[in-house]
Amino acid sequence: MKKFSQHIPNTAPPGWDVVLILDNLRSAHNVGNVFRIAEALQARVIACGYTPCPPHPVLAKTAMECDKTVPCATAVSAAEAIKSLRKENYKCILALEHNNESVEIGEYSALDMPMALVLGNEAKGVSAEALALCDGVVELPMLGKKASINVGNAAAAALYILYIMYKKQFATENR
């Protein structure tokens, strides 16, 4: 989308608090892409394992300066990041992954803030240790035969779906 020089940011509904946990992502390009979506929807990032994190020249180029504004922490593993968030009373931690327990993201009904979304390695997915600590596993609908999209694109689609779901839920609860 075009960058507007006089863009006035929208305001998120009260309580919107999302962390993206990056579980051993390999590509600094993908991580930079995730930083852009995190900035667009005011999410924070936890880079886990060998995930590139700021300062990183390739990530910075793709992030288009979002790496300077998005809060980013690091953790040894996604499992450790999840354990840390549990101590901070994060109520809903979901993995974005296709497996036997996954449900389509738009059908997940137990959305509660603050929340985290775990994004897995481009080839291996979310680690088994992290999956075991999640409250649920959600997936994006895949109609094609490949059934795979770039992790940055998946993060964008999932985060926007969660945002829309939260706005609707918030509006319903506050009528």
N, C-alpha and C. Protein backbone atom coordinates (compact mmCIF):
# COMPACT_ATOMS: atom_id res chain seq x y z
N MET A 1 0.83 -1.16 0.00
CA MET A 1 0.00 0.00 0.00
C MET A 1 0.89 1.24 0.00
N LYS A 2 0.38 2.28 -0.57
CA LYS A 2 1.11 3.53 -0.66
C LYS A 2 1.30 4.16 0.72
N LYS A 3 2.45 4.70 0.96
CA LYS A 3 2.72 5.42 2.20
C LYS A 3 2.16 6.83 2.07
N PHE A 4 1.31 7.19 2.99
CA PHE A 4 0.73 8.53 2.98
C PHE A 4 1.54 9.43 3.89
N SER A 5 1.97 10.57 3.37
CA SER A 5 2.81 11.45 4.17
C SER A 5 2.06 12.11 5.31
N GLN A 6 0.75 12.23 5.20
CA GLN A 6 -0.02 12.88 6.26
C GLN A 6 -1.00 11.90 6.91
N HIS A 7 -0.59 10.65 6.99
CA HIS A 7 -1.45 9.62 7.56
C HIS A 7 -1.68 9.89 9.05
N ILE A 8 -2.92 9.82 9.46
CA ILE A 8 -3.27 9.93 10.87
C ILE A 8 -3.63 8.53 11.35
N PRO A 9 -2.85 7.99 12.29
CA PRO A 9 -3.10 6.62 12.72
C PRO A 9 -4.49 6.42 13.29
N ASN A 10 -5.06 5.26 13.01
CA ASN A 10 -6.31 4.87 13.64
C ASN A 10 -6.01 4.52 15.09
N THR A 11 -7.03 4.40 15.87
CA THR A 11 -6.85 4.02 17.27
C THR A 11 -7.37 2.61 17.47
N ALA A 12 -6.55 1.77 18.05
CA ALA A 12 -6.97 0.40 18.33
C ALA A 12 -8.00 0.41 19.45
N PRO A 13 -8.89 -0.57 19.46
CA PRO A 13 -9.84 -0.66 20.56
C PRO A 13 -9.08 -0.86 21.88
N PRO A 14 -9.61 -0.37 22.98
CA PRO A 14 -8.95 -0.56 24.27
C PRO A 14 -8.69 -2.04 24.53
N GLY A 15 -7.53 -2.32 25.08
CA GLY A 15 -7.18 -3.69 25.41
C GLY A 15 -6.43 -4.45 24.32
N TRP A 16 -6.36 -3.91 23.11
CA TRP A 16 -5.64 -4.57 22.02
C TRP A 16 -4.17 -4.68 22.41
N ASP A 17 -3.70 -5.89 22.61
CA ASP A 17 -2.32 -6.12 23.07
C ASP A 17 -1.86 -7.46 22.52
N VAL A 18 -1.06 -7.41 21.48
CA VAL A 18 -0.62 -8.63 20.80
C VAL A 18 0.90 -8.65 20.68
N VAL A 19 1.46 -9.83 20.93
CA VAL A 19 2.88 -10.08 20.74
C VAL A 19 3.03 -11.15 19.67
N LEU A 20 3.93 -10.93 18.73
CA LEU A 20 4.26 -11.95 17.74
C LEU A 20 5.55 -12.64 18.19
N ILE A 21 5.46 -13.94 18.39
CA ILE A 21 6.62 -14.74 18.80
C ILE A 21 7.17 -15.40 17.54
N LEU A 22 8.40 -15.07 17.19
CA LEU A 22 9.02 -15.60 15.98
C LEU A 22 9.92 -16.77 16.37
N ASP A 23 9.50 -17.97 16.02
CA ASP A 23 10.15 -19.22 16.44
C ASP A 23 11.17 -19.68 15.40
N ASN A 24 12.41 -19.25 15.58
CA ASN A 24 13.52 -19.67 14.70
C ASN A 24 13.28 -19.39 13.23
N LEU A 25 12.83 -18.17 12.92
CA LEU A 25 12.71 -17.80 11.51
C LEU A 25 14.10 -17.64 10.93
N ARG A 26 14.28 -18.09 9.70
CA ARG A 26 15.60 -18.06 9.07
C ARG A 26 15.87 -16.77 8.32
N SER A 27 14.87 -16.24 7.66
CA SER A 27 15.06 -15.17 6.70
C SER A 27 14.90 -13.79 7.33
N ALA A 28 15.95 -12.98 7.24
CA ALA A 28 15.87 -11.60 7.71
C ALA A 28 14.85 -10.82 6.89
N HIS A 29 14.67 -11.19 5.62
CA HIS A 29 13.65 -10.54 4.79
C HIS A 29 12.26 -10.80 5.38
N ASN A 30 11.99 -12.05 5.75
CA ASN A 30 10.70 -12.39 6.34
C ASN A 30 10.49 -11.67 7.67
N VAL A 31 11.53 -11.60 8.48
CA VAL A 31 11.43 -10.93 9.77
C VAL A 31 11.15 -9.44 9.56
N GLY A 32 11.81 -8.83 8.60
CA GLY A 32 11.55 -7.43 8.28
C GLY A 32 10.11 -7.21 7.88
N ASN A 33 9.57 -8.14 7.10
CA ASN A 33 8.17 -8.08 6.70
C ASN A 33 7.26 -8.17 7.93
N VAL A 34 7.59 -9.04 8.86
CA VAL A 34 6.80 -9.18 10.08
C VAL A 34 6.85 -7.87 10.89
N PHE A 35 8.00 -7.22 10.92
CA PHE A 35 8.11 -5.95 11.64
C PHE A 35 7.17 -4.90 11.03
N ARG A 36 7.03 -4.92 9.73
CA ARG A 36 6.12 -3.95 9.09
C ARG A 36 4.67 -4.20 9.49
N ILE A 37 4.25 -5.45 9.53
CA ILE A 37 2.88 -5.73 9.94
C ILE A 37 2.70 -5.47 11.42
N ALA A 38 3.73 -5.75 12.21
CA ALA A 38 3.67 -5.46 13.64
C ALA A 38 3.49 -3.96 13.87
N GLU A 39 4.18 -3.15 13.12
CA GLU A 39 4.06 -1.71 13.25
C GLU A 39 2.67 -1.26 12.82
N ALA A 40 2.16 -1.82 11.74
CA ALA A 40 0.85 -1.42 11.21
C ALA A 40 -0.27 -1.68 12.22
N LEU A 41 -0.14 -2.76 12.99
CA LEU A 41 -1.19 -3.12 13.94
C LEU A 41 -0.73 -3.03 15.40
N GLN A 42 0.34 -2.29 15.62
CA GLN A 42 0.82 -2.01 16.98
C GLN A 42 1.02 -3.27 17.82
N ALA A 43 1.68 -4.26 17.23
CA ALA A 43 2.05 -5.47 17.95
C ALA A 43 3.52 -5.37 18.35
N ARG A 44 3.89 -6.16 19.33
CA ARG A 44 5.30 -6.27 19.72
C ARG A 44 5.85 -7.57 19.15
N VAL A 45 7.18 -7.71 19.18
CA VAL A 45 7.84 -8.89 18.62
C VAL A 45 8.79 -9.48 19.65
N ILE A 46 8.81 -10.82 19.71
CA ILE A 46 9.86 -11.52 20.45
C ILE A 46 10.55 -12.43 19.43
N ALA A 47 11.83 -12.16 19.18
CA ALA A 47 12.63 -12.95 18.25
C ALA A 47 13.29 -14.08 19.05
N CYS A 48 13.01 -15.32 18.66
CA CYS A 48 13.47 -16.47 19.42
C CYS A 48 14.49 -17.29 18.64
N GLY A 49 15.40 -17.90 19.39
CA GLY A 49 16.40 -18.76 18.79
C GLY A 49 17.29 -17.98 17.86
N TYR A 50 17.44 -18.48 16.64
CA TYR A 50 18.32 -17.82 15.66
C TYR A 50 17.59 -16.82 14.76
N THR A 51 16.39 -16.43 15.13
CA THR A 51 15.65 -15.43 14.35
C THR A 51 16.46 -14.13 14.31
N PRO A 52 16.70 -13.58 13.12
CA PRO A 52 17.39 -12.28 13.05
C PRO A 52 16.59 -11.21 13.80
N CYS A 53 17.30 -10.33 14.48
CA CYS A 53 16.63 -9.25 15.19
C CYS A 53 17.45 -7.96 15.04
N PRO A 54 16.82 -6.82 15.26
CA PRO A 54 17.54 -5.55 15.13
C PRO A 54 18.71 -5.47 16.11
N PRO A 55 19.77 -4.82 15.75
CA PRO A 55 20.03 -4.24 14.42
C PRO A 55 20.55 -5.30 13.46
N HIS A 56 20.00 -5.30 12.26
CA HIS A 56 20.40 -6.26 11.22
C HIS A 56 20.17 -5.57 9.89
N PRO A 57 21.18 -5.47 9.02
CA PRO A 57 21.04 -4.68 7.79
C PRO A 57 19.97 -5.18 6.82
N VAL A 58 19.83 -6.48 6.65
CA VAL A 58 18.82 -7.00 5.72
C VAL A 58 17.43 -6.81 6.30
N LEU A 59 17.27 -7.10 7.57
CA LEU A 59 16.00 -6.89 8.25
C LEU A 59 15.61 -5.43 8.16
N ALA A 60 16.56 -4.53 8.41
CA ALA A 60 16.28 -3.09 8.39
C ALA A 60 15.79 -2.64 7.02
N LYS A 61 16.39 -3.17 5.97
CA LYS A 61 15.98 -2.77 4.62
C LYS A 61 14.54 -3.17 4.35
N THR A 62 14.19 -4.40 4.70
CA THR A 62 12.83 -4.87 4.47
C THR A 62 11.83 -4.21 5.42
N ALA A 63 12.25 -3.95 6.65
CA ALA A 63 11.35 -3.38 7.66
C ALA A 63 11.03 -1.92 7.39
N MET A 64 11.81 -1.26 6.55
CA MET A 64 11.57 0.14 6.20
C MET A 64 11.40 1.02 7.45
N GLU A 65 12.33 0.88 8.37
CA GLU A 65 12.44 1.64 9.62
C GLU A 65 11.48 1.20 10.71
N CYS A 66 10.64 0.20 10.45
CA CYS A 66 9.76 -0.31 11.50
C CYS A 66 10.56 -1.03 12.58
N ASP A 67 11.76 -1.49 12.24
CA ASP A 67 12.62 -2.13 13.23
C ASP A 67 13.07 -1.15 14.30
N LYS A 68 12.94 0.15 14.03
CA LYS A 68 13.31 1.18 14.99
C LYS A 68 12.15 1.57 15.90
N THR A 69 10.94 1.21 15.53
CA THR A 69 9.77 1.64 16.30
C THR A 69 8.99 0.50 16.96
N VAL A 70 9.13 -0.71 16.46
CA VAL A 70 8.41 -1.85 17.03
C VAL A 70 9.21 -2.39 18.22
N PRO A 71 8.60 -2.48 19.39
CA PRO A 71 9.30 -3.06 20.52
C PRO A 71 9.66 -4.52 20.23
N CYS A 72 10.94 -4.84 20.44
CA CYS A 72 11.42 -6.20 20.15
C CYS A 72 12.26 -6.71 21.32
N ALA A 73 11.92 -7.89 21.78
CA ALA A 73 12.70 -8.59 22.80
C ALA A 73 13.25 -9.85 22.16
N THR A 74 14.14 -10.51 22.85
CA THR A 74 14.66 -11.79 22.37
C THR A 74 14.45 -12.85 23.45
N ALA A 75 14.42 -14.09 23.01
CA ALA A 75 14.32 -15.22 23.93
C ALA A 75 15.11 -16.38 23.34
N VAL A 76 15.59 -17.24 24.20
CA VAL A 76 16.36 -18.40 23.77
C VAL A 76 15.53 -19.31 22.88
N SER A 77 14.24 -19.42 23.20
CA SER A 77 13.35 -20.28 22.43
C SER A 77 11.93 -19.71 22.52
N ALA A 78 11.08 -20.18 21.62
CA ALA A 78 9.67 -19.77 21.67
C ALA A 78 9.02 -20.29 22.94
N ALA A 79 9.41 -21.48 23.37
CA ALA A 79 8.85 -22.02 24.61
C ALA A 79 9.18 -21.12 25.79
N GLU A 80 10.40 -20.62 25.86
CA GLU A 80 10.79 -19.71 26.94
C GLU A 80 10.03 -18.39 26.83
N ALA A 81 9.81 -17.90 25.62
CA ALA A 81 9.04 -16.67 25.43
C ALA A 81 7.61 -16.86 25.93
N ILE A 82 7.01 -18.00 25.62
CA ILE A 82 5.65 -18.29 26.07
C ILE A 82 5.60 -18.35 27.59
N LYS A 83 6.56 -19.03 28.20
CA LYS A 83 6.59 -19.12 29.67
C LYS A 83 6.71 -17.73 30.29
N SER A 84 7.51 -16.88 29.70
CA SER A 84 7.68 -15.51 30.19
C SER A 84 6.37 -14.72 30.08
N LEU A 85 5.68 -14.87 28.94
CA LEU A 85 4.40 -14.18 28.76
C LEU A 85 3.34 -14.69 29.73
N ARG A 86 3.37 -15.96 30.06
CA ARG A 86 2.42 -16.52 31.03
C ARG A 86 2.60 -15.83 32.39
N LYS A 87 3.85 -15.55 32.75
CA LYS A 87 4.12 -14.86 34.02
C LYS A 87 3.58 -13.43 33.99
N GLU A 88 3.42 -12.88 32.79
CA GLU A 88 2.86 -11.53 32.62
C GLU A 88 1.34 -11.59 32.40
N ASN A 89 0.74 -12.75 32.65
CA ASN A 89 -0.70 -12.96 32.56
C ASN A 89 -1.26 -12.86 31.14
N TYR A 90 -0.48 -13.29 30.16
CA TYR A 90 -1.04 -13.38 28.81
C TYR A 90 -2.06 -14.50 28.81
N LYS A 91 -3.26 -14.18 28.34
CA LYS A 91 -4.40 -15.07 28.49
C LYS A 91 -4.62 -16.00 27.31
N CYS A 92 -4.12 -15.64 26.15
CA CYS A 92 -4.38 -16.42 24.95
C CYS A 92 -3.11 -16.47 24.11
N ILE A 93 -2.53 -17.65 23.99
CA ILE A 93 -1.34 -17.81 23.16
C ILE A 93 -1.66 -18.87 22.11
N LEU A 94 -1.62 -18.44 20.86
CA LEU A 94 -1.98 -19.30 19.74
C LEU A 94 -0.79 -19.54 18.84
N ALA A 95 -0.72 -20.71 18.25
CA ALA A 95 0.27 -21.01 17.23
C ALA A 95 -0.42 -20.93 15.87
N LEU A 96 0.25 -20.34 14.91
CA LEU A 96 -0.26 -20.32 13.53
C LEU A 96 0.40 -21.48 12.81
N GLU A 97 -0.34 -22.57 12.67
CA GLU A 97 0.23 -23.82 12.18
C GLU A 97 -0.89 -24.71 11.69
N HIS A 98 -0.62 -25.50 10.69
CA HIS A 98 -1.61 -26.48 10.25
C HIS A 98 -1.22 -27.83 10.85
N ASN A 99 -2.13 -28.38 11.66
CA ASN A 99 -1.93 -29.74 12.18
C ASN A 99 -3.30 -30.35 12.48
N ASN A 100 -3.32 -31.50 13.13
CA ASN A 100 -4.58 -32.20 13.39
C ASN A 100 -5.50 -31.47 14.36
N GLU A 101 -4.94 -30.58 15.19
CA GLU A 101 -5.74 -29.85 16.16
C GLU A 101 -6.11 -28.44 15.69
N SER A 102 -5.57 -28.00 14.58
CA SER A 102 -5.78 -26.61 14.17
C SER A 102 -7.20 -26.36 13.69
N VAL A 103 -7.65 -25.14 13.97
CA VAL A 103 -8.95 -24.68 13.49
C VAL A 103 -8.71 -23.43 12.65
N GLU A 104 -9.59 -23.19 11.72
CA GLU A 104 -9.46 -21.99 10.91
C GLU A 104 -9.51 -20.76 11.82
N ILE A 105 -8.60 -19.84 11.60
CA ILE A 105 -8.42 -18.72 12.52
C ILE A 105 -9.69 -17.93 12.77
N GLY A 106 -10.51 -17.74 11.78
CA GLY A 106 -11.75 -16.99 11.94
C GLY A 106 -12.78 -17.71 12.79
N GLU A 107 -12.57 -18.99 13.05
CA GLU A 107 -13.51 -19.78 13.85
C GLU A 107 -13.05 -19.94 15.29
N TYR A 108 -11.86 -19.42 15.59
CA TYR A 108 -11.37 -19.53 16.97
C TYR A 108 -12.19 -18.59 17.84
N SER A 109 -12.79 -19.10 18.89
CA SER A 109 -13.75 -18.29 19.65
C SER A 109 -13.25 -17.80 21.00
N ALA A 110 -12.13 -18.29 21.47
CA ALA A 110 -11.67 -17.93 22.81
C ALA A 110 -10.63 -16.81 22.78
N LEU A 111 -10.86 -15.81 21.97
CA LEU A 111 -9.93 -14.70 21.83
C LEU A 111 -9.97 -13.83 23.08
N ASP A 112 -8.83 -13.68 23.74
CA ASP A 112 -8.77 -12.91 24.97
C ASP A 112 -7.45 -12.16 25.02
N MET A 113 -7.49 -10.94 25.49
CA MET A 113 -6.29 -10.11 25.57
C MET A 113 -5.74 -10.11 26.98
N PRO A 114 -4.45 -9.92 27.12
CA PRO A 114 -3.44 -9.83 26.07
C PRO A 114 -3.19 -11.20 25.46
N MET A 115 -2.72 -11.20 24.21
CA MET A 115 -2.52 -12.46 23.51
C MET A 115 -1.21 -12.46 22.74
N ALA A 116 -0.80 -13.65 22.34
CA ALA A 116 0.40 -13.80 21.51
C ALA A 116 0.09 -14.78 20.39
N LEU A 117 0.80 -14.58 19.29
CA LEU A 117 0.69 -15.46 18.13
C LEU A 117 2.09 -15.96 17.79
N VAL A 118 2.25 -17.28 17.79
CA VAL A 118 3.55 -17.89 17.50
C VAL A 118 3.63 -18.21 16.02
N LEU A 119 4.68 -17.70 15.38
CA LEU A 119 4.92 -17.95 13.96
C LEU A 119 6.15 -18.84 13.84
N GLY A 120 6.03 -19.93 13.09
CA GLY A 120 7.09 -20.93 13.04
C GLY A 120 8.07 -20.75 11.91
N ASN A 121 9.13 -21.51 12.02
CA ASN A 121 10.19 -21.60 11.03
C ASN A 121 9.62 -21.90 9.66
N GLU A 122 10.20 -21.29 8.64
CA GLU A 122 9.69 -21.40 7.28
C GLU A 122 9.65 -22.84 6.77
N ALA A 123 10.54 -23.70 7.25
CA ALA A 123 10.56 -25.09 6.78
C ALA A 123 10.02 -26.07 7.81
N LYS A 124 10.25 -25.79 9.09
CA LYS A 124 9.92 -26.75 10.15
C LYS A 124 8.64 -26.42 10.91
N GLY A 125 8.14 -25.20 10.78
CA GLY A 125 6.95 -24.81 11.51
C GLY A 125 7.26 -24.42 12.95
N VAL A 126 6.23 -24.40 13.77
CA VAL A 126 6.37 -24.07 15.19
C VAL A 126 6.95 -25.28 15.90
N SER A 127 7.90 -25.05 16.80
CA SER A 127 8.54 -26.16 17.52
C SER A 127 7.52 -26.90 18.38
N ALA A 128 7.76 -28.19 18.57
CA ALA A 128 6.87 -29.03 19.38
C ALA A 128 6.78 -28.49 20.81
N GLU A 129 7.89 -28.00 21.34
CA GLU A 129 7.90 -27.46 22.70
C GLU A 129 6.98 -26.25 22.82
N ALA A 130 7.01 -25.38 21.83
CA ALA A 130 6.14 -24.20 21.84
C ALA A 130 4.69 -24.60 21.64
N LEU A 131 4.44 -25.50 20.70
CA LEU A 131 3.06 -25.96 20.45
C LEU A 131 2.40 -26.50 21.72
N ALA A 132 3.17 -27.24 22.50
CA ALA A 132 2.65 -27.86 23.72
C ALA A 132 2.21 -26.81 24.75
N LEU A 133 2.75 -25.61 24.66
CA LEU A 133 2.44 -24.55 25.63
C LEU A 133 1.35 -23.59 25.15
N CYS A 134 0.90 -23.76 23.93
CA CYS A 134 -0.11 -22.86 23.36
C CYS A 134 -1.52 -23.26 23.79
N ASP A 135 -2.40 -22.26 23.83
CA ASP A 135 -3.81 -22.50 24.17
C ASP A 135 -4.58 -23.07 23.00
N GLY A 136 -4.09 -22.85 21.80
CA GLY A 136 -4.76 -23.34 20.62
C GLY A 136 -3.87 -23.21 19.41
N VAL A 137 -4.27 -23.89 18.36
CA VAL A 137 -3.54 -23.84 17.09
C VAL A 137 -4.54 -23.40 16.03
N VAL A 138 -4.18 -22.33 15.33
CA VAL A 138 -5.05 -21.80 14.28
C VAL A 138 -4.33 -21.87 12.95
N GLU A 139 -5.13 -21.92 11.90
CA GLU A 139 -4.57 -21.98 10.56
C GLU A 139 -5.31 -21.02 9.65
N LEU A 140 -4.66 -20.67 8.57
CA LEU A 140 -5.30 -19.88 7.52
C LEU A 140 -5.93 -20.84 6.53
N PRO A 141 -7.05 -20.47 5.91
CA PRO A 141 -7.63 -21.36 4.90
C PRO A 141 -6.68 -21.49 3.72
N MET A 142 -6.49 -22.69 3.26
CA MET A 142 -5.62 -22.97 2.11
C MET A 142 -6.43 -23.74 1.08
N LEU A 143 -6.74 -23.09 -0.04
CA LEU A 143 -7.56 -23.72 -1.06
C LEU A 143 -6.74 -24.37 -2.16
N GLY A 144 -5.49 -23.97 -2.29
CA GLY A 144 -4.64 -24.50 -3.35
C GLY A 144 -3.95 -25.79 -2.94
N LYS A 145 -3.30 -26.44 -3.89
CA LYS A 145 -2.61 -27.70 -3.64
C LYS A 145 -1.34 -27.53 -2.83
N LYS A 146 -0.62 -26.43 -2.99
CA LYS A 146 0.63 -26.20 -2.27
C LYS A 146 0.39 -26.04 -0.78
N ALA A 147 -0.70 -25.37 -0.40
CA ALA A 147 -1.07 -25.16 1.00
C ALA A 147 0.06 -24.56 1.81
N SER A 148 0.72 -23.56 1.25
CA SER A 148 1.83 -22.92 1.95
C SER A 148 1.97 -21.49 1.45
N ILE A 149 2.14 -20.56 2.41
CA ILE A 149 2.44 -19.19 2.03
C ILE A 149 3.60 -18.68 2.89
N ASN A 150 4.22 -17.62 2.44
CA ASN A 150 5.33 -17.01 3.14
C ASN A 150 4.93 -16.63 4.57
N VAL A 151 5.84 -16.80 5.52
CA VAL A 151 5.54 -16.54 6.92
C VAL A 151 5.17 -15.07 7.16
N GLY A 152 5.78 -14.16 6.45
CA GLY A 152 5.42 -12.76 6.59
C GLY A 152 4.01 -12.49 6.11
N ASN A 153 3.64 -13.10 4.99
CA ASN A 153 2.28 -12.96 4.48
C ASN A 153 1.28 -13.62 5.42
N ALA A 154 1.65 -14.77 5.96
CA ALA A 154 0.77 -15.47 6.90
C ALA A 154 0.57 -14.62 8.15
N ALA A 155 1.65 -13.99 8.63
CA ALA A 155 1.54 -13.12 9.81
C ALA A 155 0.58 -11.98 9.53
N ALA A 156 0.69 -11.38 8.35
CA ALA A 156 -0.18 -10.26 8.01
C ALA A 156 -1.64 -10.70 7.96
N ALA A 157 -1.91 -11.79 7.27
CA ALA A 157 -3.29 -12.26 7.16
C ALA A 157 -3.85 -12.60 8.54
N ALA A 158 -3.09 -13.34 9.32
CA ALA A 158 -3.57 -13.76 10.64
C ALA A 158 -3.78 -12.58 11.57
N LEU A 159 -2.84 -11.65 11.59
CA LEU A 159 -2.95 -10.52 12.50
C LEU A 159 -4.14 -9.63 12.14
N TYR A 160 -4.38 -9.43 10.86
CA TYR A 160 -5.55 -8.64 10.47
C TYR A 160 -6.85 -9.36 10.82
N ILE A 161 -6.90 -10.66 10.65
CA ILE A 161 -8.10 -11.42 11.02
C ILE A 161 -8.34 -11.29 12.52
N LEU A 162 -7.28 -11.46 13.31
CA LEU A 162 -7.42 -11.33 14.77
C LEU A 162 -7.88 -9.92 15.16
N TYR A 163 -7.34 -8.92 14.49
CA TYR A 163 -7.72 -7.54 14.79
C TYR A 163 -9.21 -7.31 14.50
N ILE A 164 -9.66 -7.78 13.36
CA ILE A 164 -11.08 -7.63 13.00
C ILE A 164 -11.96 -8.39 13.99
N MET A 165 -11.55 -9.60 14.35
CA MET A 165 -12.31 -10.38 15.33
C MET A 165 -12.38 -9.65 16.67
N TYR A 166 -11.25 -9.08 17.10
CA TYR A 166 -11.23 -8.39 18.38
C TYR A 166 -12.11 -7.14 18.35
N LYS A 167 -12.04 -6.39 17.26
CA LYS A 167 -12.90 -5.20 17.15
C LYS A 167 -14.37 -5.57 17.25
N LYS A 168 -14.77 -6.64 16.57
CA LYS A 168 -16.17 -7.08 16.63
C LYS A 168 -16.53 -7.54 18.04
N GLN A 169 -15.65 -8.31 18.65
CA GLN A 169 -15.89 -8.80 20.01
C GLN A 169 -15.97 -7.64 20.98
N PHE A 170 -15.07 -6.67 20.86
CA PHE A 170 -15.06 -5.51 21.74
C PHE A 170 -16.35 -4.71 21.59
N ALA A 171 -16.77 -4.51 20.35
CA ALA A 171 -18.00 -3.75 20.09
C ALA A 171 -19.21 -4.44 20.68
N THR A 172 -19.25 -5.78 20.56
CA THR A 172 -20.38 -6.55 21.10
C THR A 172 -20.40 -6.48 22.62
N GLU A 173 -19.23 -6.60 23.24
CA GLU A 173 -19.15 -6.59 24.72
C GLU A 173 -19.49 -5.21 25.29
N ASN A 174 -19.33 -4.17 24.51
CA ASN A 174 -19.52 -2.82 25.02
C ASN A 174 -20.78 -2.14 24.48
N ARG A 175 -21.76 -2.92 24.15
CA ARG A 175 -23.06 -2.34 23.71
C ARG A 175 -23.90 -1.99 24.88
